[in-house]
PDB file of N, CA and C in Angstrom:
ATOM      1  N   UNK A   1      27.325 -20.698  10.570  1.00  0.00           N
ATOM      2  CA  UNK A   1      27.923 -19.351  10.069  1.00  0.00           C
ATOM      3  C   UNK A   1      29.157 -18.943  10.677  1.00  0.00           C
ATOM      4  N   UNK A   2      30.283 -18.331   9.633  1.00  0.00           N
ATOM      5  CA  UNK A   2      31.354 -17.986   9.922  1.00  0.00           C
ATOM      6  C   UNK A   2      31.306 -16.620  10.987  1.00  0.00           C
ATOM      7  N   UNK A   3      32.368 -16.911  11.699  1.00  0.00           N
ATOM      8  CA  UNK A   3      32.689 -15.416  12.824  1.00  0.00           C
ATOM      9  C   UNK A   3      32.692 -14.461  11.886  1.00  0.00           C
ATOM     10  N   UNK A   4      33.031 -14.040  10.706  1.00  0.00           N
ATOM     11  CA  UNK A   4      33.352 -13.055   9.839  1.00  0.00           C
ATOM     12  C   UNK A   4      32.296 -12.462   9.520  1.00  0.00           C
ATOM     13  N   UNK A   5      31.271 -13.471   9.179  1.00  0.00           N
ATOM     14  CA  UNK A   5      29.792 -13.005   8.677  1.00  0.00           C
ATOM     15  C   UNK A   5      28.846 -12.609   9.367  1.00  0.00           C
ATOM     16  N   UNK A   6      28.515 -11.332   8.857  1.00  0.00           N
ATOM     17  CA  UNK A   6      27.898 -10.438   9.979  1.00  0.00           C
ATOM     18  C   UNK A   6      26.030 -10.443   9.060  1.00  0.00           C
ATOM     19  N   UNK A   7      25.339 -10.465  10.207  1.00  0.00           N
ATOM     20  CA  UNK A   7      23.745 -10.366   9.831  1.00  0.00           C
ATOM     21  C   UNK A   7      23.325  -9.128  10.038  1.00  0.00           C
ATOM     22  N   UNK A   8      22.805  -8.601   8.901  1.00  0.00           N
ATOM     23  CA  UNK A   8      22.496  -7.113   8.869  1.00  0.00           C
ATOM     24  C   UNK A   8      21.231  -7.046   9.733  1.00  0.00           C
ATOM     25  N   UNK A   9      20.090  -8.066   9.010  1.00  0.00           N
ATOM     26  CA  UNK A   9      18.856  -8.002   9.723  1.00  0.00           C
ATOM     27  C   UNK A   9      18.602  -9.283  10.381  1.00  0.00           C
ATOM     28  N   UNK A  10      17.895  -8.877  11.341  1.00  0.00           N
ATOM     29  CA  UNK A  10      17.659 -10.144  12.687  1.00  0.00           C
ATOM     30  C   UNK A  10      16.810 -11.173  12.268  1.00  0.00           C
ATOM     31  N   UNK A  11      15.556 -10.759  11.652  1.00  0.00           N
ATOM     32  CA  UNK A  11      14.372 -11.693  11.680  1.00  0.00           C
ATOM     33  C   UNK A  11      13.954 -12.036  10.137  1.00  0.00           C
ATOM     34  N   UNK A  12      14.116 -13.372   9.899  1.00  0.00           N
ATOM     35  CA  UNK A  12      13.683 -13.853   8.794  1.00  0.00           C
ATOM     36  C   UNK A  12      11.922 -13.830   8.931  1.00  0.00           C
ATOM     37  N   UNK A  13      11.334 -12.991   7.909  1.00  0.00           N
ATOM     38  CA  UNK A  13       9.982 -12.998   7.847  1.00  0.00           C
ATOM     39  C   UNK A  13       9.270 -13.543   7.024  1.00  0.00           C
ATOM     40  N   UNK A  14       8.336 -14.452   7.151  1.00  0.00           N
ATOM     41  CA  UNK A  14       7.545 -15.098   5.709  1.00  0.00           C
ATOM     42  C   UNK A  14       5.819 -15.314   6.316  1.00  0.00           C
ATOM     43  N   UNK A  15       5.299 -15.105   5.238  1.00  0.00           N
ATOM     44  CA  UNK A  15       3.997 -15.132   5.504  1.00  0.00           C
ATOM     45  C   UNK A  15       2.756 -15.234   4.090  1.00  0.00           C
ATOM     46  N   UNK A  16       1.860 -15.309   4.264  1.00  0.00           N
ATOM     47  CA  UNK A  16       1.005 -15.817   3.274  1.00  0.00           C
ATOM     48  C   UNK A  16       0.091 -14.524   3.087  1.00  0.00           C
ATOM     49  N   UNK A  17      -0.737 -13.867   2.224  1.00  0.00           N
ATOM     50  CA  UNK A  17      -1.445 -12.732   2.135  1.00  0.00           C
ATOM     51  C   UNK A  17      -2.717 -13.843   1.458  1.00  0.00           C
ATOM     52  N   UNK A  18      -3.964 -13.609   1.620  1.00  0.00           N
ATOM     53  CA  UNK A  18      -4.988 -14.164   1.104  1.00  0.00           C
ATOM     54  C   UNK A  18      -5.785 -12.887   0.924  1.00  0.00           C
ATOM     55  N   UNK A  19      -6.072 -12.488  -0.265  1.00  0.00           N
ATOM     56  CA  UNK A  19      -6.940 -11.071  -0.395  1.00  0.00           C
ATOM     57  C   UNK A  19      -7.557 -11.195  -1.731  1.00  0.00           C
ATOM     58  N   UNK A  20      -7.814 -10.111  -2.331  1.00  0.00           N
ATOM     59  CA  UNK A  20      -8.243  -9.781  -3.782  1.00  0.00           C
ATOM     60  C   UNK A  20      -7.485  -8.553  -4.302  1.00  0.00           C
ATOM     61  N   UNK A  21      -7.205  -8.939  -6.019  1.00  0.00           N
ATOM     62  CA  UNK A  21      -6.554  -7.856  -6.581  1.00  0.00           C
ATOM     63  C   UNK A  21      -5.444  -7.365  -5.875  1.00  0.00           C
ATOM     64  N   UNK A  22      -4.819  -8.545  -5.410  1.00  0.00           N
ATOM     65  CA  UNK A  22      -3.291  -8.401  -4.797  1.00  0.00           C
ATOM     66  C   UNK A  22      -2.176  -8.013  -5.997  1.00  0.00           C
ATOM     67  N   UNK A  23      -1.468  -7.191  -5.752  1.00  0.00           N
ATOM     68  CA  UNK A  23      -0.442  -6.932  -6.916  1.00  0.00           C
ATOM     69  C   UNK A  23       1.153  -7.049  -6.513  1.00  0.00           C
ATOM     70  N   UNK A  24       1.757  -8.008  -7.195  1.00  0.00           N
ATOM     71  CA  UNK A  24       3.049  -8.433  -6.739  1.00  0.00           C
ATOM     72  C   UNK A  24       4.054  -7.051  -6.714  1.00  0.00           C
ATOM     73  N   UNK A  25       3.617  -6.459  -7.817  1.00  0.00           N
ATOM     74  CA  UNK A  25       4.715  -5.137  -8.083  1.00  0.00           C
ATOM     75  C   UNK A  25       4.106  -3.941  -7.036  1.00  0.00           C
ATOM     76  N   UNK A  26       3.165  -3.774  -7.011  1.00  0.00           N
ATOM     77  CA  UNK A  26       2.961  -2.707  -6.059  1.00  0.00           C
ATOM     78  C   UNK A  26       3.275  -3.019  -4.723  1.00  0.00           C
ATOM     79  N   UNK A  27       3.496  -4.418  -4.050  1.00  0.00           N
ATOM     80  CA  UNK A  27       3.508  -4.576  -2.628  1.00  0.00           C
ATOM     81  C   UNK A  27       5.144  -4.506  -2.527  1.00  0.00           C
ATOM     82  N   UNK A  28       5.962  -5.121  -3.620  1.00  0.00           N
ATOM     83  CA  UNK A  28       7.097  -5.085  -3.789  1.00  0.00           C
ATOM     84  C   UNK A  28       7.698  -3.696  -3.628  1.00  0.00           C
ATOM     85  N   UNK A  29       7.168  -2.644  -4.334  1.00  0.00           N
ATOM     86  CA  UNK A  29       7.492  -1.276  -4.445  1.00  0.00           C
ATOM     87  C   UNK A  29       7.486  -0.328  -2.935  1.00  0.00           C
ATOM     88  N   UNK A  30       6.212  -1.178  -2.246  1.00  0.00           N
ATOM     89  CA  UNK A  30       5.837  -0.638  -1.011  1.00  0.00           C
ATOM     90  C   UNK A  30       6.788  -1.297  -0.001  1.00  0.00           C
ATOM     91  N   UNK A  31       7.472  -2.652  -0.049  1.00  0.00           N
ATOM     92  CA  UNK A  31       8.507  -2.849   0.606  1.00  0.00           C
ATOM     93  C   UNK A  31       9.778  -1.989   0.706  1.00  0.00           C
ATOM     94  N   UNK A  32       9.957  -1.914  -0.759  1.00  0.00           N
ATOM     95  CA  UNK A  32      11.254  -1.049  -1.265  1.00  0.00           C
ATOM     96  C   UNK A  32      11.323   0.095  -0.932  1.00  0.00           C
ATOM     97  N   UNK A  33       9.995   0.850  -0.811  1.00  0.00           N
ATOM     98  CA  UNK A  33      10.254   2.278  -0.294  1.00  0.00           C
ATOM     99  C   UNK A  33       9.927   2.639   1.186  1.00  0.00           C
ATOM    100  N   UNK A  34       9.642   1.691   1.879  1.00  0.00           N
ATOM    101  CA  UNK A  34       8.973   1.811   3.338  1.00  0.00           C
ATOM    102  C   UNK A  34       9.564   1.189   4.204  1.00  0.00           C
ATOM    103  N   UNK A  35      10.399  -0.273   3.708  1.00  0.00           N
ATOM    104  CA  UNK A  35      11.130  -0.884   4.972  1.00  0.00           C
ATOM    105  C   UNK A  35      12.518  -1.156   4.467  1.00  0.00           C
ATOM    106  N   UNK A  36      13.082  -1.511   5.775  1.00  0.00           N
ATOM    107  CA  UNK A  36      14.530  -1.540   5.423  1.00  0.00           C
ATOM    108  C   UNK A  36      14.726  -3.009   5.390  1.00  0.00           C
ATOM    109  N   UNK A  37      15.286  -3.787   4.728  1.00  0.00           N
ATOM    110  CA  UNK A  37      15.639  -5.139   4.848  1.00  0.00           C
ATOM    111  C   UNK A  37      16.414  -5.715   3.743  1.00  0.00           C
ATOM    112  N   UNK A  38      16.533  -6.924   3.302  1.00  0.00           N
ATOM    113  CA  UNK A  38      16.798  -7.438   2.397  1.00  0.00           C
ATOM    114  C   UNK A  38      16.246  -8.880   2.221  1.00  0.00           C
ATOM    115  N   UNK A  39      16.524  -9.638   0.800  1.00  0.00           N
ATOM    116  CA  UNK A  39      16.343 -10.778   0.655  1.00  0.00           C
ATOM    117  C   UNK A  39      14.650 -10.760   0.636  1.00  0.00           C
ATOM    118  N   UNK A  40      14.148  -9.889  -0.321  1.00  0.00           N
ATOM    119  CA  UNK A  40      12.514  -9.773  -0.547  1.00  0.00           C
ATOM    120  C   UNK A  40      12.310 -10.741  -1.445  1.00  0.00           C
ATOM    121  N   UNK A  41      11.148 -11.509  -1.529  1.00  0.00           N
ATOM    122  CA  UNK A  41      10.703 -12.149  -2.357  1.00  0.00           C
ATOM    123  C   UNK A  41       8.975 -12.008  -2.402  1.00  0.00           C
ATOM    124  N   UNK A  42       8.601 -11.657  -3.189  1.00  0.00           N
ATOM    125  CA  UNK A  42       6.992 -11.553  -3.323  1.00  0.00           C
ATOM    126  C   UNK A  42       6.678 -12.121  -4.397  1.00  0.00           C
ATOM    127  N   UNK A  43       5.888 -13.290  -4.406  1.00  0.00           N
ATOM    128  CA  UNK A  43       5.314 -13.979  -5.469  1.00  0.00           C
ATOM    129  C   UNK A  43       4.223 -14.360  -5.099  1.00  0.00           C
ATOM    130  N   UNK A  44       3.300 -14.512  -6.317  1.00  0.00           N
ATOM    131  CA  UNK A  44       1.824 -15.266  -6.017  1.00  0.00           C
ATOM    132  C   UNK A  44       0.809 -14.695  -7.353  1.00  0.00           C
ATOM    133  N   UNK A  45      -0.109 -14.284  -7.161  1.00  0.00           N
ATOM    134  CA  UNK A  45      -1.123 -13.881  -8.092  1.00  0.00           C
ATOM    135  C   UNK A  45      -2.195 -13.096  -7.463  1.00  0.00           C
ATOM    136  N   UNK A  46      -3.275 -12.805  -7.974  1.00  0.00           N
ATOM    137  CA  UNK A  46      -4.316 -11.650  -7.226  1.00  0.00           C
ATOM    138  C   UNK A  46      -4.748 -12.065  -6.378  1.00  0.00           C
ATOM    139  N   UNK A  47      -4.807 -13.554  -5.701  1.00  0.00           N
ATOM    140  CA  UNK A  47      -5.708 -13.761  -4.213  1.00  0.00           C
ATOM    141  C   UNK A  47      -4.468 -14.390  -3.573  1.00  0.00           C
ATOM    142  N   UNK A  48      -3.492 -14.847  -3.903  1.00  0.00           N
ATOM    143  CA  UNK A  48      -2.594 -15.500  -2.674  1.00  0.00           C
ATOM    144  C   UNK A  48      -1.052 -14.848  -3.055  1.00  0.00           C
ATOM    145  N   UNK A  49      -0.288 -14.334  -2.398  1.00  0.00           N
ATOM    146  CA  UNK A  49       0.852 -13.825  -2.272  1.00  0.00           C
ATOM    147  C   UNK A  49       1.710 -14.297  -1.237  1.00  0.00           C
ATOM    148  N   UNK A  50       2.987 -15.102  -1.176  1.00  0.00           N
ATOM    149  CA  UNK A  50       3.934 -15.342  -0.190  1.00  0.00           C
ATOM    150  C   UNK A  50       4.761 -14.298  -0.433  1.00  0.00           C
ATOM    151  N   UNK A  51       5.157 -13.979   1.144  1.00  0.00           N
ATOM    152  CA  UNK A  51       6.564 -13.010   1.345  1.00  0.00           C
ATOM    153  C   UNK A  51       7.380 -13.596   1.974  1.00  0.00           C
ATOM    154  N   UNK A  52       8.624 -13.335   1.753  1.00  0.00           N
ATOM    155  CA  UNK A  52       9.817 -13.596   2.644  1.00  0.00           C
ATOM    156  C   UNK A  52      10.749 -12.127   2.496  1.00  0.00           C
ATOM    157  N   UNK A  53      10.928 -12.076   3.874  1.00  0.00           N
ATOM    158  CA  UNK A  53      11.729 -10.811   3.896  1.00  0.00           C
ATOM    159  C   UNK A  53      12.851 -10.701   4.989  1.00  0.00           C
ATOM    160  N   UNK A  54      13.948 -10.435   5.285  1.00  0.00           N
ATOM    161  CA  UNK A  54      14.854 -10.269   6.074  1.00  0.00           C
ATOM    162  C   UNK A  54      14.585  -8.659   6.935  1.00  0.00           C
ATOM    163  N   UNK A  55      14.284  -8.742   8.092  1.00  0.00           N
ATOM    164  CA  UNK A  55      14.124  -7.051   8.413  1.00  0.00           C
ATOM    165  C   UNK A  55      14.540  -7.364  10.029  1.00  0.00           C
ATOM    166  N   UNK A  56      14.478  -6.088  10.564  1.00  0.00           N
ATOM    167  CA  UNK A  56      14.686  -5.790  12.115  1.00  0.00           C
ATOM    168  C   UNK A  56      13.409  -5.541  12.562  1.00  0.00           C
ATOM    169  N   UNK A  57      12.481  -5.150  11.867  1.00  0.00           N
ATOM    170  CA  UNK A  57      11.222  -4.658  12.129  1.00  0.00           C
ATOM    171  C   UNK A  57       9.935  -5.527  11.425  1.00  0.00           C
ATOM    172  N   UNK A  58      10.102  -6.577  12.151  1.00  0.00           N
ATOM    173  CA  UNK A  58       8.987  -7.793  11.125  1.00  0.00           C
ATOM    174  C   UNK A  58       7.505  -7.306  11.765  1.00  0.00           C
ATOM    175  N   UNK A  59       7.392  -6.524  12.768  1.00  0.00           N
ATOM    176  CA  UNK A  59       5.975  -6.080  12.994  1.00  0.00           C
ATOM    177  C   UNK A  59       5.199  -4.956  12.254  1.00  0.00           C
ATOM    178  N   UNK A  60       6.078  -4.215  11.667  1.00  0.00           N
ATOM    179  CA  UNK A  60       5.879  -3.428  10.491  1.00  0.00           C
ATOM    180  C   UNK A  60       5.205  -3.847   9.123  1.00  0.00           C
ATOM    181  N   UNK A  61       6.465  -5.256   8.978  1.00  0.00           N
ATOM    182  CA  UNK A  61       5.724  -6.196   7.840  1.00  0.00           C
ATOM    183  C   UNK A  61       4.264  -6.819   8.095  1.00  0.00           C
ATOM    184  N   UNK A  62       4.145  -7.239   9.089  1.00  0.00           N
ATOM    185  CA  UNK A  62       2.943  -7.920   9.609  1.00  0.00           C
ATOM    186  C   UNK A  62       1.719  -6.782   9.626  1.00  0.00           C
ATOM    187  N   UNK A  63       1.771  -5.419  10.069  1.00  0.00           N
ATOM    188  CA  UNK A  63       1.065  -4.790  10.203  1.00  0.00           C
ATOM    189  C   UNK A  63       0.931  -4.131   8.617  1.00  0.00           C
ATOM    190  N   UNK A  64       1.378  -4.145   7.504  1.00  0.00           N
ATOM    191  CA  UNK A  64       1.097  -3.430   6.214  1.00  0.00           C
ATOM    192  C   UNK A  64       0.452  -4.646   5.574  1.00  0.00           C
ATOM    193  N   UNK A  65       0.968  -6.060   5.416  1.00  0.00           N
ATOM    194  CA  UNK A  65       0.572  -6.886   5.104  1.00  0.00           C
ATOM    195  C   UNK A  65      -1.139  -7.188   5.504  1.00  0.00           C
ATOM    196  N   UNK A  66      -1.366  -7.272   6.640  1.00  0.00           N
ATOM    197  CA  UNK A  66      -2.684  -7.402   7.001  1.00  0.00           C
ATOM    198  C   UNK A  66      -3.496  -6.501   6.723  1.00  0.00           C
ATOM    199  N   UNK A  67      -3.052  -5.244   5.893  1.00  0.00           N
ATOM    200  CA  UNK A  67      -4.164  -4.308   5.565  1.00  0.00           C
ATOM    201  C   UNK A  67      -4.394  -4.661   4.106  1.00  0.00           C
ATOM    202  N   UNK A  68      -3.839  -5.748   3.533  1.00  0.00           N
ATOM    203  CA  UNK A  68      -4.299  -6.376   1.848  1.00  0.00           C
ATOM    204  C   UNK A  68      -4.711  -7.241   2.005  1.00  0.00           C
ATOM    205  N   UNK A  69      -5.030  -7.979   3.454  1.00  0.00           N
ATOM    206  CA  UNK A  69      -6.049  -9.269   3.156  1.00  0.00           C
ATOM    207  C   UNK A  69      -5.666 -10.018   4.306  1.00  0.00           C
ATOM    208  N   UNK A  70      -6.151 -11.116   4.684  1.00  0.00           N
ATOM    209  CA  UNK A  70      -5.726 -12.333   5.612  1.00  0.00           C
ATOM    210  C   UNK A  70      -4.325 -12.724   5.627  1.00  0.00           C
ATOM    211  N   UNK A  71      -3.962 -12.582   6.754  1.00  0.00           N
ATOM    212  CA  UNK A  71      -2.150 -13.252   6.734  1.00  0.00           C
ATOM    213  C   UNK A  71      -2.125 -14.364   7.662  1.00  0.00           C
ATOM    214  N   UNK A  72      -1.490 -15.392   7.191  1.00  0.00           N
ATOM    215  CA  UNK A  72      -1.272 -16.245   7.557  1.00  0.00           C
ATOM    216  C   UNK A  72      -0.009 -17.095   7.487  1.00  0.00           C
ATOM    217  N   UNK A  73       0.173 -18.294   8.223  1.00  0.00           N
ATOM    218  CA  UNK A  73       1.373 -19.257   8.005  1.00  0.00           C
ATOM    219  C   UNK A  73       2.687 -18.205   8.214  1.00  0.00           C
ATOM    220  N   UNK A  74       2.192 -17.606   9.504  1.00  0.00           N
ATOM    221  CA  UNK A  74       3.343 -16.600   9.875  1.00  0.00           C
ATOM    222  C   UNK A  74       4.354 -17.136  10.309  1.00  0.00           C
ATOM    223  N   UNK A  75       5.680 -16.993   9.987  1.00  0.00           N
ATOM    224  CA  UNK A  75       6.857 -17.305  10.646  1.00  0.00           C
ATOM    225  C   UNK A  75       7.924 -15.834  10.549  1.00  0.00           C
ATOM    226  N   UNK A  76       8.208 -15.674  12.044  1.00  0.00           N
ATOM    227  CA  UNK A  76       9.223 -14.599  12.176  1.00  0.00           C
ATOM    228  C   UNK A  76      10.233 -15.554  12.904  1.00  0.00           C
ATOM    229  N   UNK A  77      11.599 -15.649  12.130  1.00  0.00           N
ATOM    230  CA  UNK A  77      12.625 -16.532  12.798  1.00  0.00           C
ATOM    231  C   UNK A  77      13.781 -15.607  13.255  1.00  0.00           C
ATOM    232  N   UNK A  78      14.392 -15.580  14.274  1.00  0.00           N
ATOM    233  CA  UNK A  78      15.523 -14.555  15.146  1.00  0.00           C
ATOM    234  C   UNK A  78      16.754 -15.387  14.543  1.00  0.00           C
ATOM    235  N   UNK A  79      17.264 -14.889  13.236  1.00  0.00           N
ATOM    236  CA  UNK A  79      18.179 -15.381  12.528  1.00  0.00           C
ATOM    237  C   UNK A  79      19.619 -15.097  13.671  1.00  0.00           C
ATOM    238  N   UNK A  80      19.560 -14.187  14.541  1.00  0.00           N
ATOM    239  CA  UNK A  80      21.032 -14.181  15.439  1.00  0.00           C
ATOM    240  C   UNK A  80      21.061 -15.214  16.158  1.00  0.00           C
ATOM    241  N   UNK A  81      19.863 -15.551  16.687  1.00  0.00           N
ATOM    242  CA  UNK A  81      19.926 -17.135  17.599  1.00  0.00           C
ATOM    243  C   UNK A  81      20.193 -18.135  16.866  1.00  0.00           C
ATOM    244  N   UNK A  82      19.899 -18.157  15.792  1.00  0.00           N
ATOM    245  CA  UNK A  82      20.064 -19.479  14.590  1.00  0.00           C
ATOM    246  C   UNK A  82      21.701 -19.190  14.566  1.00  0.00           C
ATOM    247  N   UNK A  83      22.181 -18.596  14.285  1.00  0.00           N
ATOM    248  CA  UNK A  83      23.671 -18.392  13.712  1.00  0.00           C
ATOM    249  C   UNK A  83      24.612 -18.774  15.031  1.00  0.00           C
ATOM    250  N   UNK A  84      23.808 -18.587  16.242  1.00  0.00           N
ATOM    251  CA  UNK A  84      24.597 -19.101  17.623  1.00  0.00           C
ATOM    252  C   UNK A  84      24.342 -20.448  18.065  1.00  0.00           C
ATOM    253  N   UNK A  85      23.387 -21.278  16.944  1.00  0.00           N
ATOM    254  CA  UNK A  85      23.086 -22.627  17.291  1.00  0.00           C
ATOM    255  C   UNK A  85      21.507 -22.698  18.026  1.00  0.00           C
ATOM    256  N   UNK A  86      21.247 -21.973  18.199  1.00  0.00           N
ATOM    257  CA  UNK A  86      20.054 -21.608  19.338  1.00  0.00           C
ATOM    258  C   UNK A  86      18.506 -21.939  18.396  1.00  0.00           C
ATOM    259  N   UNK A  87      17.804 -22.164  19.187  1.00  0.00           N
ATOM    260  CA  UNK A  87      16.262 -22.184  18.508  1.00  0.00           C
ATOM    261  C   UNK A  87      16.223 -20.790  17.930  1.00  0.00           C
ATOM    262  N   UNK A  88      15.732 -20.979  16.372  1.00  0.00           N
ATOM    263  CA  UNK A  88      15.236 -19.516  15.888  1.00  0.00           C
ATOM    264  C   UNK A  88      13.713 -19.273  16.714  1.00  0.00           C
TER     265      UNK A  88
END
């Protein structure tokens, strides 16, 4: 990472949601209205959704997603540490 490049959001947050009647558009809209971050990816179908999101508050993302179904394959990486060459 270049010294001039700045990270606005510290945590790269990724997870899967296993549920019923999941709706990509509704989940995406909820993120856009209720969370601050970037690089949002919401893909899947009515039973399985993959989330990828950069944010400073990953616990809020996990809390919301857990209301939609079972969450698993959760990865929260500290991009500030990675930018310094440390383990994320």
